[in-house]
Each structure stands twice: as structure tokens, then as C-alpha cells.
Protein backbone atom coordinates (compact mmCIF):
# COMPACT_ATOMS: atom_id res chain seq x y z
CA MET A 1 -18.60 10.50 90.21
CA ALA A 2 -21.00 10.56 87.24
CA LYS A 3 -23.64 7.94 86.95
CA HIS A 4 -23.68 5.83 83.84
CA GLN A 5 -27.18 6.24 82.37
CA GLN A 6 -28.86 3.20 80.89
CA SER A 7 -31.07 3.87 77.91
CA THR A 8 -34.60 2.52 77.88
CA PRO A 9 -35.79 0.24 75.05
CA GLU A 10 -38.05 3.19 73.96
CA GLN A 11 -35.03 5.48 73.63
CA GLN A 12 -33.05 2.83 71.72
CA SER A 13 -36.02 2.34 69.38
CA VAL A 14 -36.23 6.09 68.72
CA ARG A 15 -32.58 6.19 68.00
CA VAL A 16 -32.82 3.30 65.54
CA LEU A 17 -35.66 5.08 63.74
CA LYS A 18 -33.73 8.39 63.61
CA VAL A 19 -30.60 6.74 62.21
CA GLY A 20 -32.75 4.90 59.64
CA GLU A 21 -34.35 8.13 58.58
CA ARG A 22 -30.93 9.81 58.30
CA VAL A 23 -29.66 6.89 56.13
CA ARG A 24 -32.83 7.26 53.96
CA HIS A 25 -32.14 10.94 53.42
CA ILE A 26 -28.49 10.43 52.55
CA LEU A 27 -29.25 7.66 50.08
CA SER A 28 -32.04 9.80 48.53
CA GLU A 29 -29.68 12.71 48.18
CA LEU A 30 -26.92 10.59 46.60
CA LEU A 31 -29.38 9.15 44.08
CA ALA A 32 -31.02 12.51 43.26
CA ARG A 33 -27.66 14.13 42.61
CA GLY A 34 -26.48 11.24 40.51
CA GLU A 35 -23.37 10.81 42.59
CA ALA A 36 -23.06 7.09 41.89
CA HIS A 37 -20.97 6.41 38.82
CA ASP A 38 -23.57 4.16 37.18
CA ASP A 39 -25.61 5.05 34.06
CA THR A 40 -28.58 2.99 35.11
CA LEU A 41 -28.87 4.88 38.37
CA ARG A 42 -28.32 8.24 36.83
CA ALA A 43 -31.01 7.58 34.21
CA SER A 44 -33.61 6.56 36.80
CA ASN A 45 -35.65 8.46 39.36
CA ILE A 46 -35.42 6.24 42.41
CA SER A 47 -37.38 6.75 45.68
CA VAL A 48 -35.91 5.37 48.85
CA THR A 49 -39.18 4.79 50.70
CA GLU A 50 -37.86 3.42 53.99
CA VAL A 51 -34.69 2.26 55.69
CA ARG A 52 -35.01 -0.34 58.49
CA MET A 53 -32.07 -0.54 60.84
CA THR A 54 -31.18 -3.48 63.18
CA PRO A 55 -31.13 -2.53 66.80
CA ASP A 56 -27.30 -2.57 66.86
CA LEU A 57 -27.29 -0.18 63.83
CA ARG A 58 -24.85 -2.49 61.99
CA ASN A 59 -27.28 -3.49 59.23
CA ALA A 60 -29.79 -1.48 57.16
CA LYS A 61 -32.35 -2.59 54.61
CA ALA A 62 -33.20 0.16 52.17
CA TYR A 63 -36.55 -0.26 50.40
CA VAL A 64 -36.49 1.40 46.99
CA LYS A 65 -38.91 1.97 44.08
CA PRO A 66 -38.02 3.34 40.65
CA LEU A 67 -40.44 6.02 39.36
CA LEU A 68 -43.47 4.11 37.90
CA GLY A 69 -41.70 0.84 38.72
CA GLN A 70 -39.75 1.01 35.44
CA ASP A 71 -36.66 -1.19 35.03
CA GLU A 72 -36.96 -2.32 38.67
CA ALA A 73 -34.70 -5.34 38.17
CA ALA A 74 -32.02 -3.38 36.48
CA VAL A 75 -32.12 -0.60 39.13
CA LEU A 76 -31.89 -3.11 42.01
CA LYS A 77 -28.90 -4.81 40.24
CA ALA A 78 -27.19 -1.43 39.88
CA LEU A 79 -27.81 -0.49 43.48
CA ARG A 80 -26.48 -3.84 44.66
CA THR A 81 -23.43 -3.46 42.40
CA ASN A 82 -22.68 -0.06 43.91
CA THR A 83 -23.32 -0.98 47.53
CA ALA A 84 -19.75 -0.32 48.58
CA PHE A 85 -19.98 3.28 47.25
CA PHE A 86 -23.26 3.90 49.06
CA GLN A 87 -21.93 2.34 52.32
CA LYS A 88 -18.77 4.49 52.18
CA GLU A 89 -20.78 7.64 51.63
CA VAL A 90 -23.33 6.87 54.38
CA ALA A 91 -20.44 6.18 56.78
CA LYS A 92 -18.74 9.42 55.91
CA ARG A 93 -21.97 11.47 56.34
CA LEU A 94 -23.42 9.73 59.41
CA GLY A 95 -20.40 9.91 61.62
CA LEU A 96 -21.17 6.70 63.53
CA LYS A 97 -18.58 4.35 65.02
CA PHE A 98 -19.59 1.68 62.63
CA ALA A 99 -21.08 2.06 59.15
CA PRO A 100 -24.23 0.08 58.62
CA LYS A 101 -23.98 -2.73 56.01
CA LEU A 102 -26.62 -1.86 53.33
CA ALA A 103 -28.99 -4.19 51.63
CA PHE A 104 -31.36 -2.92 48.84
CA GLN A 105 -34.82 -4.43 48.58
CA PRO A 106 -37.72 -3.61 46.31
CA ASP A 107 -40.51 -1.76 48.01
CA GLU A 108 -43.64 -3.84 47.50
CA SER A 109 -45.95 -1.77 49.67
CA PHE A 110 -47.33 -0.02 46.51
CA ASP A 111 -48.18 -3.35 44.95
CA GLU A 112 -49.87 -4.50 48.16
CA ALA A 113 -51.91 -1.20 48.28
CA ASP A 114 -53.11 -1.86 44.70
CA ARG A 115 -54.09 -5.41 45.62
CA ILE A 116 -56.09 -4.10 48.60
CA GLU A 117 -57.76 -1.41 46.41
CA GLN A 118 -58.75 -4.11 43.84
CA LEU A 119 -60.21 -6.25 46.61
CA LEU A 120 -62.24 -3.34 47.99
CA SER A 121 -63.55 -2.41 44.55
CA ASP A 122 -64.84 -6.03 44.01
CA PRO A 123 -68.65 -5.87 43.63
CA LYS A 124 -69.14 -8.46 46.36
CA VAL A 125 -67.06 -6.56 48.92
CA ALA A 126 -68.71 -3.23 47.83
CA ARG A 127 -72.15 -4.77 48.41
CA ASP A 128 -71.01 -5.92 51.92
CA LEU A 129 -69.68 -2.55 52.72
CA GLU A 130 -72.96 -0.86 51.65
CA ASP A 131 -74.94 -3.26 53.89
CA GLU A 132 -73.00 -1.91 56.94
CA ASP A 133 -74.29 1.66 56.33
């Protein structure tokens, strides 16, 4: 009689990360090949920077950024309009029991990095950093 193995939280976490990364690759490939029937998406170079999955793998948040941040609102609207297409394609290529429900969000990490860079280049902060040396 075979024992039923329980997975540890660490193993579940690794699986969630791996599935998220697979979804990111699938979405990136679909966008790069222009497979969505949408002129806005075909005309834009869009990076899928991260996909965060819920622990049950039922929901996925895809963080996206158009090249140079151009037409971000229009790109997000087009992605959200074509969510059903992306979900169907992800489901087909993933082979999971359930297809994750996709939600597209703007990736604001680049904006946050710029803000931090500006703070660090402030003369007052630079002076304090020099004092530490």
C-alpha cells in the first residue's frame, strides 16, 4: 500500500513560483508573436515582468510594462479586453487541471526604482552617504 505524501509549504511555494514563471513565459511568447488579434497589442512591445500566483494556482496577477512606458493605459485596456484569449491559451499550454484566472496590472517597480534613484542623488542624501565613508 503506497503512502500518500504530503507536500511541505516550501514545496508548495516552489511549485507556485514555477507555475507563475511558466505563465509569464507563455504570456511573453503570445505577445511577442502577436498572437492576440488586437492592433494595440501587436503594435506594442510589452514585457511581462512577473506573474504572481495564488497558492491554489487559481488566480494569477501578470505585471506588464510596455516598452518605454508608451501608451500604458491603452495597452492595459487591450490586455484586459483580451483576457479570455490569454486564459484559454495559458490553459492549453500549461496542462493544469484548472486554468488560472488572469488579471493584468501595470508594473510600477521601474517607477519606484527611479524614485529611489532620485532620492539617493539628492545633495543632502549624498552628503550623508559621504560622511559614512
